Amino acid sequence: MTTFKNPIIPGCYADPSICRVDNDYYLIASTFEYFPGVPIFHSKDLVNWRQIGHVLDRPSQLNLDGTPNSKGIYAATIRYHKGIFYMITTFVESASGERRNFFVTTENPEGPWSDPNWLEDCPGIDSSLFFDDDGKAYVTANRRPPSGQDYPKLWKFGCKS
């Protein structure tokens, strides 16, 4: 029996997202207020990982100056569709207090990645992409329920027996 060491990537790599392209795996992680942002790793076996760059590596892509502690880039997701890599994420509380979702793209995961495509009228956090067989792409995210509804008691009050 083979034993592997855990964690597979030592350090602080919160909210990992992985996608597979043929025999290659790519992993990204949250970086909050730190720049460069969203490290990207490559593996052939899901055990041995090598960092190949950062998705957000130019200040022109995203200015994180003044971003409060523990805010910034949350729960980035990586996807691959028809020759293009996509990274979608939420910029949680910029220096001006706004929260917005955006995505960037590239043909080569080592970069360069595009400038952000900001998603208007797309509330929520922890966004992800789904590419349907009919050619349409969908964004999924967590957000507050419509007015008049409430979170389940589990979330509102914590776990109670």
N, C-alpha and C. Protein backbone atom coordinates (compact mmCIF):
# COMPACT_ATOMS: atom_id res chain seq x y z
N MET A 1 0.84 -1.18 0.00
CA MET A 1 0.00 0.00 0.00
C MET A 1 0.89 1.24 0.00
N THR A 2 0.55 2.20 -0.84
CA THR A 2 1.29 3.45 -0.92
C THR A 2 0.66 4.47 0.01
N THR A 3 1.49 5.20 0.73
CA THR A 3 1.02 6.24 1.63
C THR A 3 1.49 7.59 1.11
N PHE A 4 0.59 8.57 1.15
CA PHE A 4 0.93 9.91 0.70
C PHE A 4 0.82 10.87 1.87
N LYS A 5 1.66 11.89 1.85
CA LYS A 5 1.68 12.89 2.91
C LYS A 5 0.56 13.90 2.71
N ASN A 6 -0.05 14.30 3.80
CA ASN A 6 -1.10 15.30 3.78
C ASN A 6 -0.67 16.47 4.65
N PRO A 7 -0.83 17.72 4.29
CA PRO A 7 -1.52 18.17 3.09
C PRO A 7 -0.65 18.00 1.85
N ILE A 8 -1.30 17.88 0.71
CA ILE A 8 -0.56 17.67 -0.53
C ILE A 8 0.19 18.93 -0.94
N ILE A 9 -0.33 20.10 -0.56
CA ILE A 9 0.35 21.37 -0.80
C ILE A 9 0.50 22.05 0.55
N PRO A 10 1.70 22.04 1.13
CA PRO A 10 1.86 22.67 2.44
C PRO A 10 1.70 24.19 2.35
N GLY A 11 1.16 24.77 3.40
CA GLY A 11 0.96 26.21 3.45
C GLY A 11 -0.51 26.54 3.57
N CYS A 12 -0.83 27.79 3.36
CA CYS A 12 -2.21 28.27 3.48
C CYS A 12 -2.82 28.42 2.09
N TYR A 13 -3.59 27.44 1.68
CA TYR A 13 -4.26 27.46 0.37
C TYR A 13 -5.73 27.14 0.59
N ALA A 14 -6.46 28.14 1.06
CA ALA A 14 -7.87 27.98 1.41
C ALA A 14 -8.74 27.83 0.17
N ASP A 15 -9.86 27.16 0.34
CA ASP A 15 -10.89 27.04 -0.70
C ASP A 15 -10.36 26.49 -2.02
N PRO A 16 -9.65 25.37 -2.02
CA PRO A 16 -9.08 24.90 -3.28
C PRO A 16 -10.15 24.49 -4.29
N SER A 17 -9.84 24.71 -5.55
CA SER A 17 -10.68 24.29 -6.66
C SER A 17 -9.78 23.59 -7.67
N ILE A 18 -10.23 22.45 -8.18
CA ILE A 18 -9.42 21.65 -9.10
C ILE A 18 -10.22 21.39 -10.37
N CYS A 19 -9.52 21.42 -11.51
CA CYS A 19 -10.14 20.95 -12.75
C CYS A 19 -9.15 20.04 -13.47
N ARG A 20 -9.70 19.13 -14.24
CA ARG A 20 -8.90 18.17 -15.00
C ARG A 20 -9.03 18.49 -16.48
N VAL A 21 -7.89 18.48 -17.17
CA VAL A 21 -7.84 18.65 -18.62
C VAL A 21 -6.97 17.51 -19.15
N ASP A 22 -7.60 16.54 -19.80
CA ASP A 22 -6.91 15.33 -20.25
C ASP A 22 -6.24 14.66 -19.06
N ASN A 23 -4.90 14.54 -19.06
CA ASN A 23 -4.19 13.89 -17.95
C ASN A 23 -3.54 14.89 -17.00
N ASP A 24 -3.96 16.14 -17.07
CA ASP A 24 -3.40 17.20 -16.23
C ASP A 24 -4.46 17.73 -15.27
N TYR A 25 -4.01 18.09 -14.07
CA TYR A 25 -4.88 18.67 -13.05
C TYR A 25 -4.35 20.05 -12.70
N TYR A 26 -5.28 20.98 -12.49
CA TYR A 26 -4.93 22.34 -12.12
C TYR A 26 -5.70 22.71 -10.86
N LEU A 27 -5.02 23.34 -9.92
CA LEU A 27 -5.60 23.71 -8.63
C LEU A 27 -5.34 25.19 -8.38
N ILE A 28 -6.37 25.89 -7.92
CA ILE A 28 -6.23 27.29 -7.50
C ILE A 28 -6.78 27.42 -6.08
N ALA A 29 -6.48 28.55 -5.43
CA ALA A 29 -6.92 28.76 -4.05
C ALA A 29 -7.18 30.24 -3.79
N SER A 30 -7.95 30.52 -2.73
CA SER A 30 -8.22 31.89 -2.30
C SER A 30 -6.94 32.56 -1.83
N THR A 31 -6.86 33.87 -2.02
CA THR A 31 -5.71 34.62 -1.51
C THR A 31 -6.12 35.87 -0.74
N PHE A 32 -7.41 36.11 -0.63
CA PHE A 32 -7.93 37.22 0.17
C PHE A 32 -7.32 38.54 -0.27
N GLU A 33 -6.66 39.28 0.63
CA GLU A 33 -6.15 40.61 0.28
C GLU A 33 -4.71 40.60 -0.24
N TYR A 34 -4.14 39.42 -0.46
CA TYR A 34 -2.73 39.32 -0.84
C TYR A 34 -2.52 39.33 -2.35
N PHE A 35 -1.40 39.95 -2.75
CA PHE A 35 -1.04 40.05 -4.16
C PHE A 35 0.39 39.57 -4.33
N PRO A 36 0.74 38.82 -5.38
CA PRO A 36 -0.16 38.39 -6.46
C PRO A 36 -1.22 37.43 -5.94
N GLY A 37 -2.32 37.35 -6.68
CA GLY A 37 -3.48 36.59 -6.21
C GLY A 37 -3.74 35.31 -6.97
N VAL A 38 -4.37 34.39 -6.30
CA VAL A 38 -4.84 33.11 -6.83
C VAL A 38 -3.69 32.30 -7.45
N PRO A 39 -2.91 31.62 -6.60
CA PRO A 39 -1.85 30.77 -7.13
C PRO A 39 -2.45 29.62 -7.93
N ILE A 40 -1.74 29.19 -8.96
CA ILE A 40 -2.20 28.05 -9.75
C ILE A 40 -1.11 26.99 -9.75
N PHE A 41 -1.55 25.75 -9.47
CA PHE A 41 -0.65 24.61 -9.37
C PHE A 41 -1.02 23.59 -10.45
N HIS A 42 -0.03 22.76 -10.82
CA HIS A 42 -0.23 21.71 -11.82
C HIS A 42 0.21 20.37 -11.24
N SER A 43 -0.51 19.30 -11.61
CA SER A 43 -0.16 17.95 -11.19
C SER A 43 -0.57 16.96 -12.27
N LYS A 44 0.14 15.86 -12.34
CA LYS A 44 -0.24 14.75 -13.22
C LYS A 44 -0.91 13.62 -12.43
N ASP A 45 -0.75 13.64 -11.08
CA ASP A 45 -1.21 12.51 -10.28
C ASP A 45 -2.02 12.89 -9.03
N LEU A 46 -2.34 14.16 -8.85
CA LEU A 46 -3.08 14.66 -7.69
C LEU A 46 -2.31 14.54 -6.37
N VAL A 47 -1.05 14.17 -6.44
CA VAL A 47 -0.22 14.05 -5.24
C VAL A 47 0.94 15.03 -5.29
N ASN A 48 1.62 15.07 -6.41
CA ASN A 48 2.78 15.94 -6.59
C ASN A 48 2.36 17.19 -7.35
N TRP A 49 2.46 18.33 -6.68
CA TRP A 49 2.00 19.60 -7.25
C TRP A 49 3.17 20.56 -7.41
N ARG A 50 3.11 21.38 -8.47
CA ARG A 50 4.11 22.40 -8.73
C ARG A 50 3.39 23.70 -9.07
N GLN A 51 3.77 24.78 -8.38
CA GLN A 51 3.14 26.06 -8.69
C GLN A 51 3.67 26.56 -10.03
N ILE A 52 2.73 26.95 -10.91
CA ILE A 52 3.11 27.42 -12.25
C ILE A 52 2.84 28.91 -12.44
N GLY A 53 2.36 29.58 -11.41
CA GLY A 53 2.13 31.02 -11.52
C GLY A 53 0.99 31.49 -10.64
N HIS A 54 0.49 32.68 -10.98
CA HIS A 54 -0.67 33.27 -10.32
C HIS A 54 -1.65 33.73 -11.40
N VAL A 55 -2.93 33.58 -11.12
CA VAL A 55 -3.94 34.04 -12.06
C VAL A 55 -3.96 35.57 -12.10
N LEU A 56 -3.91 36.19 -10.94
CA LEU A 56 -3.92 37.65 -10.84
C LEU A 56 -2.50 38.11 -10.50
N ASP A 57 -1.75 38.47 -11.54
CA ASP A 57 -0.34 38.81 -11.33
C ASP A 57 0.03 40.22 -11.78
N ARG A 58 -0.97 41.00 -12.21
CA ARG A 58 -0.72 42.38 -12.65
C ARG A 58 -1.64 43.31 -11.87
N PRO A 59 -1.11 44.38 -11.29
CA PRO A 59 -1.99 45.33 -10.60
C PRO A 59 -3.10 45.88 -11.51
N SER A 60 -2.86 45.90 -12.82
CA SER A 60 -3.90 46.38 -13.74
C SER A 60 -5.10 45.44 -13.78
N GLN A 61 -4.91 44.17 -13.41
CA GLN A 61 -6.04 43.24 -13.36
C GLN A 61 -6.97 43.56 -12.20
N LEU A 62 -6.38 43.84 -11.04
CA LEU A 62 -7.17 44.06 -9.84
C LEU A 62 -6.32 44.79 -8.81
N ASN A 63 -6.79 45.95 -8.40
CA ASN A 63 -6.07 46.73 -7.41
C ASN A 63 -6.56 46.33 -6.02
N LEU A 64 -5.69 45.70 -5.26
CA LEU A 64 -6.05 45.25 -3.91
C LEU A 64 -5.61 46.23 -2.83
N ASP A 65 -5.04 47.36 -3.22
CA ASP A 65 -4.62 48.37 -2.24
C ASP A 65 -5.81 48.79 -1.39
N GLY A 66 -5.63 48.79 -0.09
CA GLY A 66 -6.68 49.23 0.82
C GLY A 66 -7.74 48.18 1.12
N THR A 67 -7.60 46.99 0.56
CA THR A 67 -8.56 45.93 0.85
C THR A 67 -8.41 45.52 2.32
N PRO A 68 -9.51 45.51 3.08
CA PRO A 68 -9.42 45.15 4.50
C PRO A 68 -8.89 43.73 4.71
N ASN A 69 -8.33 43.49 5.89
CA ASN A 69 -7.86 42.15 6.24
C ASN A 69 -8.98 41.13 6.11
N SER A 70 -8.63 39.96 5.63
CA SER A 70 -9.55 38.84 5.46
C SER A 70 -10.69 39.14 4.49
N LYS A 71 -10.51 40.09 3.62
CA LYS A 71 -11.46 40.37 2.54
C LYS A 71 -10.71 40.10 1.23
N GLY A 72 -11.20 40.55 0.11
CA GLY A 72 -10.50 40.36 -1.15
C GLY A 72 -11.04 39.18 -1.94
N ILE A 73 -10.15 38.31 -2.40
CA ILE A 73 -10.50 37.20 -3.30
C ILE A 73 -10.92 35.97 -2.50
N TYR A 74 -12.18 35.57 -2.68
CA TYR A 74 -12.76 34.44 -1.96
C TYR A 74 -13.14 33.31 -2.91
N ALA A 75 -12.82 32.09 -2.51
CA ALA A 75 -13.34 30.86 -3.13
C ALA A 75 -13.33 30.89 -4.65
N ALA A 76 -12.17 31.13 -5.22
CA ALA A 76 -12.05 31.11 -6.68
C ALA A 76 -12.32 29.70 -7.20
N THR A 77 -12.88 29.62 -8.39
CA THR A 77 -13.18 28.34 -9.05
C THR A 77 -12.50 28.33 -10.41
N ILE A 78 -11.88 27.20 -10.76
CA ILE A 78 -11.26 27.05 -12.08
C ILE A 78 -12.06 26.04 -12.90
N ARG A 79 -12.30 26.39 -14.16
CA ARG A 79 -13.00 25.52 -15.09
C ARG A 79 -12.28 25.56 -16.44
N TYR A 80 -12.54 24.54 -17.26
CA TYR A 80 -11.98 24.46 -18.61
C TYR A 80 -13.10 24.10 -19.55
N HIS A 81 -13.21 24.85 -20.66
CA HIS A 81 -14.28 24.58 -21.62
C HIS A 81 -13.82 25.00 -23.01
N LYS A 82 -13.81 24.05 -23.94
CA LYS A 82 -13.50 24.29 -25.35
C LYS A 82 -12.21 25.09 -25.54
N GLY A 83 -11.14 24.64 -24.88
CA GLY A 83 -9.83 25.23 -25.09
C GLY A 83 -9.53 26.47 -24.26
N ILE A 84 -10.45 26.87 -23.40
CA ILE A 84 -10.26 28.08 -22.58
C ILE A 84 -10.36 27.72 -21.10
N PHE A 85 -9.41 28.23 -20.31
CA PHE A 85 -9.49 28.13 -18.85
C PHE A 85 -10.23 29.36 -18.34
N TYR A 86 -11.08 29.15 -17.34
CA TYR A 86 -11.84 30.22 -16.70
C TYR A 86 -11.55 30.19 -15.21
N MET A 87 -11.38 31.35 -14.61
CA MET A 87 -11.33 31.48 -13.16
C MET A 87 -12.39 32.50 -12.80
N ILE A 88 -13.33 32.08 -11.95
CA ILE A 88 -14.39 32.98 -11.48
C ILE A 88 -14.27 33.08 -9.97
N THR A 89 -14.53 34.29 -9.45
CA THR A 89 -14.38 34.50 -8.01
C THR A 89 -15.20 35.71 -7.58
N THR A 90 -15.25 35.91 -6.28
CA THR A 90 -15.89 37.08 -5.69
C THR A 90 -14.81 37.96 -5.08
N PHE A 91 -14.86 39.24 -5.42
CA PHE A 91 -14.01 40.23 -4.76
C PHE A 91 -14.84 40.76 -3.60
N VAL A 92 -14.56 40.25 -2.39
CA VAL A 92 -15.35 40.57 -1.21
C VAL A 92 -14.78 41.81 -0.54
N GLU A 93 -15.56 42.84 -0.54
CA GLU A 93 -15.28 44.11 0.13
C GLU A 93 -13.95 44.72 -0.29
N SER A 94 -14.03 45.47 -1.35
CA SER A 94 -12.88 46.26 -1.80
C SER A 94 -12.69 47.43 -0.83
N ALA A 95 -11.70 48.27 -1.10
CA ALA A 95 -11.46 49.44 -0.26
C ALA A 95 -12.70 50.33 -0.20
N SER A 96 -13.51 50.33 -1.27
CA SER A 96 -14.73 51.14 -1.29
C SER A 96 -15.93 50.41 -0.69
N GLY A 97 -15.74 49.15 -0.26
CA GLY A 97 -16.81 48.41 0.39
C GLY A 97 -17.69 47.60 -0.54
N GLU A 98 -17.38 47.60 -1.83
CA GLU A 98 -18.24 46.85 -2.75
C GLU A 98 -17.87 45.37 -2.80
N ARG A 99 -18.83 44.55 -3.25
CA ARG A 99 -18.63 43.11 -3.44
C ARG A 99 -19.10 42.80 -4.86
N ARG A 100 -18.21 42.20 -5.66
CA ARG A 100 -18.57 41.91 -7.05
C ARG A 100 -17.93 40.61 -7.50
N ASN A 101 -18.60 39.94 -8.43
CA ASN A 101 -18.07 38.73 -9.04
C ASN A 101 -17.45 39.07 -10.39
N PHE A 102 -16.40 38.33 -10.75
CA PHE A 102 -15.78 38.51 -12.05
C PHE A 102 -15.13 37.21 -12.48
N PHE A 103 -14.79 37.14 -13.78
CA PHE A 103 -14.03 36.00 -14.28
C PHE A 103 -12.91 36.50 -15.18
N VAL A 104 -11.87 35.67 -15.28
CA VAL A 104 -10.76 35.92 -16.19
C VAL A 104 -10.55 34.65 -17.00
N THR A 105 -9.88 34.77 -18.15
CA THR A 105 -9.70 33.62 -19.04
C THR A 105 -8.27 33.57 -19.57
N THR A 106 -7.91 32.39 -20.07
CA THR A 106 -6.62 32.19 -20.74
C THR A 106 -6.68 30.89 -21.53
N GLU A 107 -5.82 30.77 -22.52
CA GLU A 107 -5.65 29.49 -23.22
C GLU A 107 -4.54 28.67 -22.57
N ASN A 108 -3.65 29.34 -21.83
CA ASN A 108 -2.52 28.69 -21.19
C ASN A 108 -2.59 28.96 -19.68
N PRO A 109 -2.75 27.93 -18.85
CA PRO A 109 -2.91 28.18 -17.41
C PRO A 109 -1.70 28.84 -16.75
N GLU A 110 -0.55 28.83 -17.41
CA GLU A 110 0.62 29.53 -16.89
C GLU A 110 0.52 31.03 -17.14
N GLY A 111 -0.46 31.44 -17.93
CA GLY A 111 -0.71 32.85 -18.20
C GLY A 111 -0.19 33.28 -19.55
N PRO A 112 -0.43 34.53 -19.88
CA PRO A 112 -1.13 35.51 -19.05
C PRO A 112 -2.64 35.29 -19.05
N TRP A 113 -3.27 35.73 -17.96
CA TRP A 113 -4.72 35.69 -17.83
C TRP A 113 -5.28 37.06 -18.21
N SER A 114 -6.51 37.08 -18.66
CA SER A 114 -7.15 38.32 -19.11
C SER A 114 -7.38 39.28 -17.95
N ASP A 115 -7.76 40.50 -18.29
CA ASP A 115 -8.27 41.42 -17.28
C ASP A 115 -9.66 40.94 -16.87
N PRO A 116 -10.14 41.34 -15.69
CA PRO A 116 -11.44 40.86 -15.22
C PRO A 116 -12.61 41.25 -16.12
N ASN A 117 -13.53 40.32 -16.26
CA ASN A 117 -14.83 40.56 -16.87
C ASN A 117 -15.81 40.62 -15.70
N TRP A 118 -16.23 41.84 -15.33
CA TRP A 118 -17.09 42.04 -14.17
C TRP A 118 -18.52 41.64 -14.51
N LEU A 119 -19.15 40.88 -13.62
CA LEU A 119 -20.51 40.39 -13.84
C LEU A 119 -21.49 41.33 -13.15
N GLU A 120 -22.26 42.04 -13.95
CA GLU A 120 -23.26 42.95 -13.41
C GLU A 120 -24.50 42.16 -12.99
N ASP A 121 -25.17 42.63 -11.97
CA ASP A 121 -26.40 41.99 -11.48
C ASP A 121 -26.18 40.50 -11.21
N CYS A 122 -25.07 40.21 -10.55
CA CYS A 122 -24.72 38.83 -10.22
C CYS A 122 -24.30 38.78 -8.76
N PRO A 123 -25.29 38.84 -7.85
CA PRO A 123 -24.96 38.89 -6.43
C PRO A 123 -24.48 37.54 -5.90
N GLY A 124 -23.97 37.56 -4.71
CA GLY A 124 -23.59 36.32 -4.05
C GLY A 124 -22.09 36.18 -3.91
N ILE A 125 -21.70 35.09 -3.26
CA ILE A 125 -20.29 34.77 -3.06
C ILE A 125 -20.07 33.32 -3.47
N ASP A 126 -18.82 32.91 -3.50
CA ASP A 126 -18.45 31.52 -3.82
C ASP A 126 -19.01 31.11 -5.18
N SER A 127 -18.80 31.94 -6.17
CA SER A 127 -19.35 31.71 -7.50
C SER A 127 -18.64 30.56 -8.22
N SER A 128 -19.36 29.95 -9.15
CA SER A 128 -18.83 28.86 -9.96
C SER A 128 -19.47 28.95 -11.34
N LEU A 129 -18.88 28.25 -12.31
CA LEU A 129 -19.40 28.22 -13.68
C LEU A 129 -19.86 26.82 -14.04
N PHE A 130 -20.94 26.77 -14.81
CA PHE A 130 -21.44 25.51 -15.36
C PHE A 130 -21.67 25.72 -16.85
N PHE A 131 -21.07 24.86 -17.68
CA PHE A 131 -21.24 24.92 -19.12
C PHE A 131 -22.19 23.80 -19.53
N ASP A 132 -23.36 24.17 -20.05
CA ASP A 132 -24.38 23.20 -20.42
C ASP A 132 -24.12 22.66 -21.82
N ASP A 133 -24.71 21.51 -22.11
CA ASP A 133 -24.55 20.88 -23.42
C ASP A 133 -25.14 21.73 -24.55
N ASP A 134 -26.08 22.63 -24.22
CA ASP A 134 -26.70 23.46 -25.25
C ASP A 134 -25.86 24.69 -25.60
N GLY A 135 -24.65 24.80 -24.99
CA GLY A 135 -23.76 25.91 -25.29
C GLY A 135 -23.88 27.08 -24.34
N LYS A 136 -24.88 27.06 -23.47
CA LYS A 136 -25.04 28.16 -22.51
C LYS A 136 -24.14 27.95 -21.30
N ALA A 137 -23.70 29.06 -20.72
CA ALA A 137 -22.91 29.03 -19.49
C ALA A 137 -23.73 29.65 -18.38
N TYR A 138 -23.62 29.09 -17.18
CA TYR A 138 -24.37 29.57 -16.03
C TYR A 138 -23.42 29.86 -14.88
N VAL A 139 -23.76 30.88 -14.10
CA VAL A 139 -23.04 31.20 -12.87
C VAL A 139 -23.89 30.74 -11.71
N THR A 140 -23.28 30.02 -10.78
CA THR A 140 -23.96 29.67 -9.54
C THR A 140 -23.22 30.37 -8.40
N ALA A 141 -23.96 30.74 -7.36
CA ALA A 141 -23.35 31.42 -6.21
C ALA A 141 -24.27 31.30 -5.01
N ASN A 142 -23.72 31.54 -3.84
CA ASN A 142 -24.51 31.60 -2.61
C ASN A 142 -24.95 33.03 -2.39
N ARG A 143 -26.19 33.21 -1.95
CA ARG A 143 -26.67 34.54 -1.61
C ARG A 143 -27.86 34.43 -0.68
N ARG A 144 -28.26 35.57 -0.13
CA ARG A 144 -29.42 35.58 0.76
C ARG A 144 -30.66 35.17 -0.03
N PRO A 145 -31.59 34.48 0.63
CA PRO A 145 -32.83 34.12 -0.05
C PRO A 145 -33.66 35.38 -0.35
N PRO A 146 -34.64 35.26 -1.25
CA PRO A 146 -35.49 36.42 -1.58
C PRO A 146 -36.15 37.00 -0.33
N SER A 147 -36.53 38.26 -0.43
CA SER A 147 -37.16 38.97 0.68
C SER A 147 -38.35 38.17 1.22
N GLY A 148 -38.46 38.14 2.54
CA GLY A 148 -39.57 37.43 3.16
C GLY A 148 -39.20 36.02 3.59
N GLN A 149 -38.10 35.49 3.07
CA GLN A 149 -37.64 34.18 3.49
C GLN A 149 -36.49 34.37 4.46
N ASP A 150 -36.17 33.34 5.20
CA ASP A 150 -35.09 33.43 6.18
C ASP A 150 -34.18 32.23 6.00
N TYR A 151 -32.96 32.37 6.50
CA TYR A 151 -32.06 31.23 6.49
C TYR A 151 -32.64 30.13 7.38
N PRO A 152 -32.31 28.89 7.09
CA PRO A 152 -32.74 27.82 8.00
C PRO A 152 -32.17 28.06 9.39
N LYS A 153 -32.87 27.57 10.40
CA LYS A 153 -32.44 27.78 11.78
C LYS A 153 -31.02 27.26 12.02
N LEU A 154 -30.62 26.23 11.31
CA LEU A 154 -29.27 25.70 11.46
C LEU A 154 -28.24 26.81 11.25
N TRP A 155 -28.46 27.65 10.24
CA TRP A 155 -27.52 28.73 9.95
C TRP A 155 -27.75 29.93 10.85
N LYS A 156 -29.00 30.23 11.13
CA LYS A 156 -29.30 31.43 11.90
C LYS A 156 -28.92 31.29 13.36
N PHE A 157 -29.16 30.14 13.94
CA PHE A 157 -28.96 29.97 15.37
C PHE A 157 -27.84 29.00 15.72
N GLY A 158 -27.24 28.37 14.74
CA GLY A 158 -26.23 27.36 15.02
C GLY A 158 -26.89 26.02 15.26
N CYS A 159 -26.07 25.01 15.42
CA CYS A 159 -26.60 23.65 15.61
C CYS A 159 -27.10 23.48 17.03
N LYS A 160 -28.34 23.05 17.15
CA LYS A 160 -28.93 22.78 18.46
C LYS A 160 -29.52 21.38 18.43
N SER A 161 -29.44 20.71 19.54
CA SER A 161 -30.03 19.37 19.58
C SER A 161 -31.47 19.44 20.01
